PDB file of N, CA and C in Angstrom:
ATOM      1  N   UNK A   1     114.713 159.913 143.730  1.00  0.00           N
ATOM      2  CA  UNK A   1     115.290 158.919 142.856  1.00  0.00           C
ATOM      3  C   UNK A   1     114.976 159.320 141.417  1.00  0.00           C
ATOM      4  N   UNK A   2     115.935 159.146 140.545  1.00  0.00           N
ATOM      5  CA  UNK A   2     115.786 159.449 139.131  1.00  0.00           C
ATOM      6  C   UNK A   2     115.598 158.150 138.362  1.00  0.00           C
ATOM      7  N   UNK A   3     114.579 158.083 137.553  1.00  0.00           N
ATOM      8  CA  UNK A   3     114.369 156.929 136.690  1.00  0.00           C
ATOM      9  C   UNK A   3     115.028 157.213 135.354  1.00  0.00           C
ATOM     10  N   UNK A   4     115.857 156.284 134.915  1.00  0.00           N
ATOM     11  CA  UNK A   4     116.610 156.431 133.671  1.00  0.00           C
ATOM     12  C   UNK A   4     116.086 155.414 132.673  1.00  0.00           C
ATOM     13  N   UNK A   5     115.704 155.900 131.489  1.00  0.00           N
ATOM     14  CA  UNK A   5     115.173 155.007 130.465  1.00  0.00           C
ATOM     15  C   UNK A   5     115.909 155.104 129.145  1.00  0.00           C
ATOM     16  N   UNK A   6     117.021 155.834 129.121  1.00  0.00           N
ATOM     17  CA  UNK A   6     117.814 155.938 127.899  1.00  0.00           C
ATOM     18  C   UNK A   6     119.259 156.247 128.272  1.00  0.00           C
ATOM     19  N   UNK A   7     120.128 156.062 127.317  1.00  0.00           N
ATOM     20  CA  UNK A   7     121.537 156.383 127.537  1.00  0.00           C
ATOM     21  C   UNK A   7     121.703 157.881 127.786  1.00  0.00           C
ATOM     22  N   UNK A   8     120.924 158.699 127.080  1.00  0.00           N
ATOM     23  CA  UNK A   8     121.009 160.145 127.280  1.00  0.00           C
ATOM     24  C   UNK A   8     120.619 160.513 128.705  1.00  0.00           C
ATOM     25  N   UNK A   9     119.578 159.875 129.230  1.00  0.00           N
ATOM     26  CA  UNK A   9     119.152 160.147 130.606  1.00  0.00           C
ATOM     27  C   UNK A   9     120.191 159.649 131.607  1.00  0.00           C
ATOM     28  N   UNK A  10     120.855 158.549 131.295  1.00  0.00           N
ATOM     29  CA  UNK A  10     121.910 158.040 132.180  1.00  0.00           C
ATOM     30  C   UNK A  10     123.057 159.045 132.261  1.00  0.00           C
ATOM     31  N   UNK A  11     123.441 159.597 131.126  1.00  0.00           N
ATOM     32  CA  UNK A  11     124.491 160.609 131.102  1.00  0.00           C
ATOM     33  C   UNK A  11     124.075 161.884 131.816  1.00  0.00           C
ATOM     34  N   UNK A  12     122.822 162.276 131.607  1.00  0.00           N
ATOM     35  CA  UNK A  12     122.307 163.489 132.260  1.00  0.00           C
ATOM     36  C   UNK A  12     122.293 163.325 133.775  1.00  0.00           C
ATOM     37  N   UNK A  13     122.017 162.115 134.244  1.00  0.00           N
ATOM     38  CA  UNK A  13     122.015 161.861 135.690  1.00  0.00           C
ATOM     39  C   UNK A  13     123.422 162.043 136.267  1.00  0.00           C
ATOM     40  N   UNK A  14     124.430 161.562 135.541  1.00  0.00           N
ATOM     41  CA  UNK A  14     125.816 161.773 135.994  1.00  0.00           C
ATOM     42  C   UNK A  14     126.145 163.260 136.027  1.00  0.00           C
ATOM     43  N   UNK A  15     125.808 163.962 134.947  1.00  0.00           N
ATOM     44  CA  UNK A  15     126.117 165.392 134.876  1.00  0.00           C
ATOM     45  C   UNK A  15     125.432 166.161 136.007  1.00  0.00           C
ATOM     46  N   UNK A  16     124.168 165.846 136.265  1.00  0.00           N
ATOM     47  CA  UNK A  16     123.427 166.548 137.316  1.00  0.00           C
ATOM     48  C   UNK A  16     124.086 166.345 138.674  1.00  0.00           C
ATOM     49  N   UNK A  17     124.466 165.129 138.969  1.00  0.00           N
ATOM     50  CA  UNK A  17     125.100 164.840 140.267  1.00  0.00           C
ATOM     51  C   UNK A  17     126.474 165.498 140.349  1.00  0.00           C
ATOM     52  N   UNK A  18     127.241 165.448 139.251  1.00  0.00           N
ATOM     53  CA  UNK A  18     128.573 166.060 139.248  1.00  0.00           C
ATOM     54  C   UNK A  18     128.460 167.556 139.483  1.00  0.00           C
ATOM     55  N   UNK A  19     127.510 168.182 138.811  1.00  0.00           N
ATOM     56  CA  UNK A  19     127.293 169.621 138.962  1.00  0.00           C
ATOM     57  C   UNK A  19     126.835 169.952 140.374  1.00  0.00           C
ATOM     58  N   UNK A  20     125.928 169.131 140.893  1.00  0.00           N
ATOM     59  CA  UNK A  20     125.430 169.310 142.260  1.00  0.00           C
ATOM     60  C   UNK A  20     126.574 169.284 143.263  1.00  0.00           C
ATOM     61  N   UNK A  21     127.561 168.438 143.017  1.00  0.00           N
ATOM     62  CA  UNK A  21     128.706 168.324 143.919  1.00  0.00           C
ATOM     63  C   UNK A  21     129.805 169.335 143.612  1.00  0.00           C
ATOM     64  N   UNK A  22     129.633 170.131 142.565  1.00  0.00           N
ATOM     65  CA  UNK A  22     130.619 171.150 142.209  1.00  0.00           C
ATOM     66  C   UNK A  22     131.926 170.576 141.701  1.00  0.00           C
ATOM     67  N   UNK A  23     131.850 169.418 141.049  1.00  0.00           N
ATOM     68  CA  UNK A  23     133.056 168.747 140.567  1.00  0.00           C
ATOM     69  C   UNK A  23     133.232 168.940 139.068  1.00  0.00           C
ATOM     70  N   UNK A  24     134.476 168.994 138.642  1.00  0.00           N
ATOM     71  CA  UNK A  24     134.774 169.060 137.215  1.00  0.00           C
ATOM     72  C   UNK A  24     134.724 167.655 136.622  1.00  0.00           C
ATOM     73  N   UNK A  25     134.609 167.583 135.317  1.00  0.00           N
ATOM     74  CA  UNK A  25     134.672 166.285 134.657  1.00  0.00           C
ATOM     75  C   UNK A  25     136.016 165.619 134.935  1.00  0.00           C
ATOM     76  N   UNK A  26     137.075 166.386 134.940  1.00  0.00           N
ATOM     77  CA  UNK A  26     138.406 165.830 135.183  1.00  0.00           C
ATOM     78  C   UNK A  26     138.496 165.205 136.570  1.00  0.00           C
ATOM     79  N   UNK A  27     137.925 165.854 137.564  1.00  0.00           N
ATOM     80  CA  UNK A  27     137.975 165.327 138.935  1.00  0.00           C
ATOM     81  C   UNK A  27     137.215 164.015 139.045  1.00  0.00           C
ATOM     82  N   UNK A  28     136.030 163.964 138.453  1.00  0.00           N
ATOM     83  CA  UNK A  28     135.241 162.731 138.503  1.00  0.00           C
ATOM     84  C   UNK A  28     135.938 161.633 137.713  1.00  0.00           C
ATOM     85  N   UNK A  29     136.473 161.973 136.568  1.00  0.00           N
ATOM     86  CA  UNK A  29     137.179 160.986 135.744  1.00  0.00           C
ATOM     87  C   UNK A  29     138.350 160.372 136.511  1.00  0.00           C
ATOM     88  N   UNK A  30     139.103 161.202 137.215  1.00  0.00           N
ATOM     89  CA  UNK A  30     140.222 160.677 138.019  1.00  0.00           C
ATOM     90  C   UNK A  30     139.718 159.725 139.090  1.00  0.00           C
ATOM     91  N   UNK A  31     138.679 160.117 139.799  1.00  0.00           N
ATOM     92  CA  UNK A  31     138.105 159.265 140.856  1.00  0.00           C
ATOM     93  C   UNK A  31     137.614 157.933 140.300  1.00  0.00           C
ATOM     94  N   UNK A  32     137.021 157.973 139.105  1.00  0.00           N
ATOM     95  CA  UNK A  32     136.403 156.780 138.521  1.00  0.00           C
ATOM     96  C   UNK A  32     137.375 155.930 137.719  1.00  0.00           C
ATOM     97  N   UNK A  33     138.541 156.490 137.400  1.00  0.00           N
ATOM     98  CA  UNK A  33     139.507 155.754 136.582  1.00  0.00           C
ATOM     99  C   UNK A  33     139.113 155.708 135.117  1.00  0.00           C
ATOM    100  N   UNK A  34     138.452 156.767 134.652  1.00  0.00           N
ATOM    101  CA  UNK A  34     138.073 156.873 133.244  1.00  0.00           C
ATOM    102  C   UNK A  34     138.669 158.165 132.698  1.00  0.00           C
ATOM    103  N   UNK A  35     138.627 158.308 131.384  1.00  0.00           N
ATOM    104  CA  UNK A  35     139.138 159.554 130.803  1.00  0.00           C
ATOM    105  C   UNK A  35     138.070 160.643 130.886  1.00  0.00           C
ATOM    106  N   UNK A  36     138.515 161.886 130.903  1.00  0.00           N
ATOM    107  CA  UNK A  36     137.586 163.001 130.898  1.00  0.00           C
ATOM    108  C   UNK A  36     136.786 162.982 129.604  1.00  0.00           C
ATOM    109  N   UNK A  37     137.422 162.587 128.509  1.00  0.00           N
ATOM    110  CA  UNK A  37     136.750 162.513 127.220  1.00  0.00           C
ATOM    111  C   UNK A  37     135.600 161.503 127.263  1.00  0.00           C
ATOM    112  N   UNK A  38     135.846 160.334 127.905  1.00  0.00           N
ATOM    113  CA  UNK A  38     134.798 159.313 128.023  1.00  0.00           C
ATOM    114  C   UNK A  38     133.615 159.882 128.809  1.00  0.00           C
ATOM    115  N   UNK A  39     133.914 160.511 129.937  1.00  0.00           N
ATOM    116  CA  UNK A  39     132.859 161.080 130.768  1.00  0.00           C
ATOM    117  C   UNK A  39     132.083 162.144 130.000  1.00  0.00           C
ATOM    118  N   UNK A  40     132.771 162.979 129.266  1.00  0.00           N
ATOM    119  CA  UNK A  40     132.125 164.015 128.461  1.00  0.00           C
ATOM    120  C   UNK A  40     131.171 163.381 127.445  1.00  0.00           C
ATOM    121  N   UNK A  41     131.617 162.340 126.768  1.00  0.00           N
ATOM    122  CA  UNK A  41     130.770 161.672 125.778  1.00  0.00           C
ATOM    123  C   UNK A  41     129.521 161.086 126.438  1.00  0.00           C
ATOM    124  N   UNK A  42     129.690 160.434 127.576  1.00  0.00           N
ATOM    125  CA  UNK A  42     128.548 159.836 128.271  1.00  0.00           C
ATOM    126  C   UNK A  42     127.579 160.919 128.725  1.00  0.00           C
ATOM    127  N   UNK A  43     128.088 161.976 129.313  1.00  0.00           N
ATOM    128  CA  UNK A  43     127.223 163.072 129.767  1.00  0.00           C
ATOM    129  C   UNK A  43     126.457 163.707 128.609  1.00  0.00           C
ATOM    130  N   UNK A  44     127.013 163.626 127.422  1.00  0.00           N
ATOM    131  CA  UNK A  44     126.372 164.215 126.249  1.00  0.00           C
ATOM    132  C   UNK A  44     125.551 163.200 125.460  1.00  0.00           C
ATOM    133  N   UNK A  45     125.236 162.065 126.079  1.00  0.00           N
ATOM    134  CA  UNK A  45     124.302 161.128 125.472  1.00  0.00           C
ATOM    135  C   UNK A  45     124.889 160.096 124.541  1.00  0.00           C
ATOM    136  N   UNK A  46     126.173 159.769 124.715  1.00  0.00           N
ATOM    137  CA  UNK A  46     126.781 158.728 123.888  1.00  0.00           C
ATOM    138  C   UNK A  46     125.849 157.512 123.860  1.00  0.00           C
ATOM    139  N   UNK A  47     125.608 156.979 122.680  1.00  0.00           N
ATOM    140  CA  UNK A  47     124.594 155.931 122.537  1.00  0.00           C
ATOM    141  C   UNK A  47     125.026 154.574 123.087  1.00  0.00           C
ATOM    142  N   UNK A  48     126.307 154.361 123.241  1.00  0.00           N
ATOM    143  CA  UNK A  48     126.804 153.104 123.814  1.00  0.00           C
ATOM    144  C   UNK A  48     127.990 153.407 124.720  1.00  0.00           C
ATOM    145  N   UNK A  49     128.020 152.745 125.865  1.00  0.00           N
ATOM    146  CA  UNK A  49     129.181 152.888 126.735  1.00  0.00           C
ATOM    147  C   UNK A  49     129.342 151.646 127.579  1.00  0.00           C
ATOM    148  N   UNK A  50     130.543 151.458 128.107  1.00  0.00           N
ATOM    149  CA  UNK A  50     130.864 150.311 128.949  1.00  0.00           C
ATOM    150  C   UNK A  50     130.165 150.481 130.295  1.00  0.00           C
ATOM    151  N   UNK A  51     129.279 149.544 130.621  1.00  0.00           N
ATOM    152  CA  UNK A  51     128.499 149.660 131.852  1.00  0.00           C
ATOM    153  C   UNK A  51     129.388 149.606 133.089  1.00  0.00           C
ATOM    154  N   UNK A  52     130.461 148.846 133.045  1.00  0.00           N
ATOM    155  CA  UNK A  52     131.381 148.775 134.186  1.00  0.00           C
ATOM    156  C   UNK A  52     131.993 150.149 134.462  1.00  0.00           C
ATOM    157  N   UNK A  53     132.337 150.861 133.413  1.00  0.00           N
ATOM    158  CA  UNK A  53     132.883 152.210 133.587  1.00  0.00           C
ATOM    159  C   UNK A  53     131.801 153.164 134.100  1.00  0.00           C
ATOM    160  N   UNK A  54     130.576 152.973 133.633  1.00  0.00           N
ATOM    161  CA  UNK A  54     129.472 153.790 134.132  1.00  0.00           C
ATOM    162  C   UNK A  54     129.291 153.567 135.632  1.00  0.00           C
ATOM    163  N   UNK A  55     129.356 152.309 136.059  1.00  0.00           N
ATOM    164  CA  UNK A  55     129.249 152.003 137.490  1.00  0.00           C
ATOM    165  C   UNK A  55     130.374 152.669 138.275  1.00  0.00           C
ATOM    166  N   UNK A  56     131.580 152.689 137.709  1.00  0.00           N
ATOM    167  CA  UNK A  56     132.710 153.346 138.375  1.00  0.00           C
ATOM    168  C   UNK A  56     132.449 154.843 138.521  1.00  0.00           C
ATOM    169  N   UNK A  57     131.889 155.452 137.490  1.00  0.00           N
ATOM    170  CA  UNK A  57     131.564 156.883 137.559  1.00  0.00           C
ATOM    171  C   UNK A  57     130.486 157.122 138.612  1.00  0.00           C
ATOM    172  N   UNK A  58     129.494 156.246 138.678  1.00  0.00           N
ATOM    173  CA  UNK A  58     128.451 156.372 139.704  1.00  0.00           C
ATOM    174  C   UNK A  58     129.061 156.253 141.098  1.00  0.00           C
ATOM    175  N   UNK A  59     129.949 155.326 141.268  1.00  0.00           N
ATOM    176  CA  UNK A  59     130.621 155.144 142.562  1.00  0.00           C
ATOM    177  C   UNK A  59     131.386 156.415 142.944  1.00  0.00           C
ATOM    178  N   UNK A  60     132.060 157.008 141.970  1.00  0.00           N
ATOM    179  CA  UNK A  60     132.832 158.231 142.232  1.00  0.00           C
ATOM    180  C   UNK A  60     131.933 159.379 142.658  1.00  0.00           C
ATOM    181  N   UNK A  61     130.667 159.333 142.251  1.00  0.00           N
ATOM    182  CA  UNK A  61     129.716 160.391 142.578  1.00  0.00           C
ATOM    183  C   UNK A  61     128.759 159.993 143.697  1.00  0.00           C
ATOM    184  N   UNK A  62     129.063 158.900 144.391  1.00  0.00           N
ATOM    185  CA  UNK A  62     128.204 158.406 145.483  1.00  0.00           C
ATOM    186  C   UNK A  62     126.772 158.171 145.016  1.00  0.00           C
ATOM    187  N   UNK A  63     126.638 157.558 143.844  1.00  0.00           N
ATOM    188  CA  UNK A  63     125.330 157.206 143.301  1.00  0.00           C
ATOM    189  C   UNK A  63     125.154 155.700 143.335  1.00  0.00           C
ATOM    190  N   UNK A  64     123.965 155.245 143.646  1.00  0.00           N
ATOM    191  CA  UNK A  64     123.611 153.835 143.562  1.00  0.00           C
ATOM    192  C   UNK A  64     122.858 153.594 142.269  1.00  0.00           C
ATOM    193  N   UNK A  65     123.072 152.437 141.685  1.00  0.00           N
ATOM    194  CA  UNK A  65     122.306 152.013 140.520  1.00  0.00           C
ATOM    195  C   UNK A  65     121.364 150.922 141.002  1.00  0.00           C
ATOM    196  N   UNK A  66     120.075 151.142 140.809  1.00  0.00           N
ATOM    197  CA  UNK A  66     119.056 150.209 141.276  1.00  0.00           C
ATOM    198  C   UNK A  66     118.268 149.715 140.076  1.00  0.00           C
ATOM    199  N   UNK A  67     118.116 148.408 139.987  1.00  0.00           N
ATOM    200  CA  UNK A  67     117.281 147.826 138.941  1.00  0.00           C
ATOM    201  C   UNK A  67     116.065 147.227 139.630  1.00  0.00           C
ATOM    202  N   UNK A  68     114.900 147.642 139.159  1.00  0.00           N
ATOM    203  CA  UNK A  68     113.682 147.128 139.784  1.00  0.00           C
ATOM    204  C   UNK A  68     112.618 146.889 138.737  1.00  0.00           C
ATOM    205  N   UNK A  69     111.688 146.072 139.073  1.00  0.00           N
ATOM    206  CA  UNK A  69     110.588 145.766 138.178  1.00  0.00           C
ATOM    207  C   UNK A  69     109.712 147.010 138.014  1.00  0.00           C
ATOM    208  N   UNK A  70     109.257 147.222 136.812  1.00  0.00           N
ATOM    209  CA  UNK A  70     108.355 148.343 136.562  1.00  0.00           C
ATOM    210  C   UNK A  70     106.998 148.076 137.174  1.00  0.00           C
ATOM    211  N   UNK A  71     106.384 149.127 137.631  1.00  0.00           N
ATOM    212  CA  UNK A  71     105.006 149.010 138.135  1.00  0.00           C
ATOM    213  C   UNK A  71     104.090 148.741 136.953  1.00  0.00           C
ATOM    214  N   UNK A  72     103.153 147.841 137.131  1.00  0.00           N
ATOM    215  CA  UNK A  72     102.203 147.529 136.052  1.00  0.00           C
ATOM    216  C   UNK A  72     100.790 147.733 136.568  1.00  0.00           C
ATOM    217  N   UNK A  73      99.874 147.807 135.667  1.00  0.00           N
ATOM    218  CA  UNK A  73      98.470 147.991 136.030  1.00  0.00           C
ATOM    219  C   UNK A  73      97.827 146.702 136.512  1.00  0.00           C
ATOM    220  N   UNK A  74      98.429 145.574 136.189  1.00  0.00           N
ATOM    221  CA  UNK A  74      97.823 144.273 136.527  1.00  0.00           C
ATOM    222  C   UNK A  74      97.922 143.946 137.991  1.00  0.00           C
TER     223      UNK A  74
END
């Protein structure tokens, strides 16, 4: 599991999975219903993006998004 703590890390996670699957940005964009340009910007650390579109890209790459409480020392 990859822990994401920034927009840049979120984009890097998409790129890593896309590369792992041997897919082009265009192929993932078509599957997700987003533009290749949008995907390129997100993969390159765009500071703001539509979370719904990010979820669509994750779905296209068979990725789950999990939100969980951080472990604390207490």
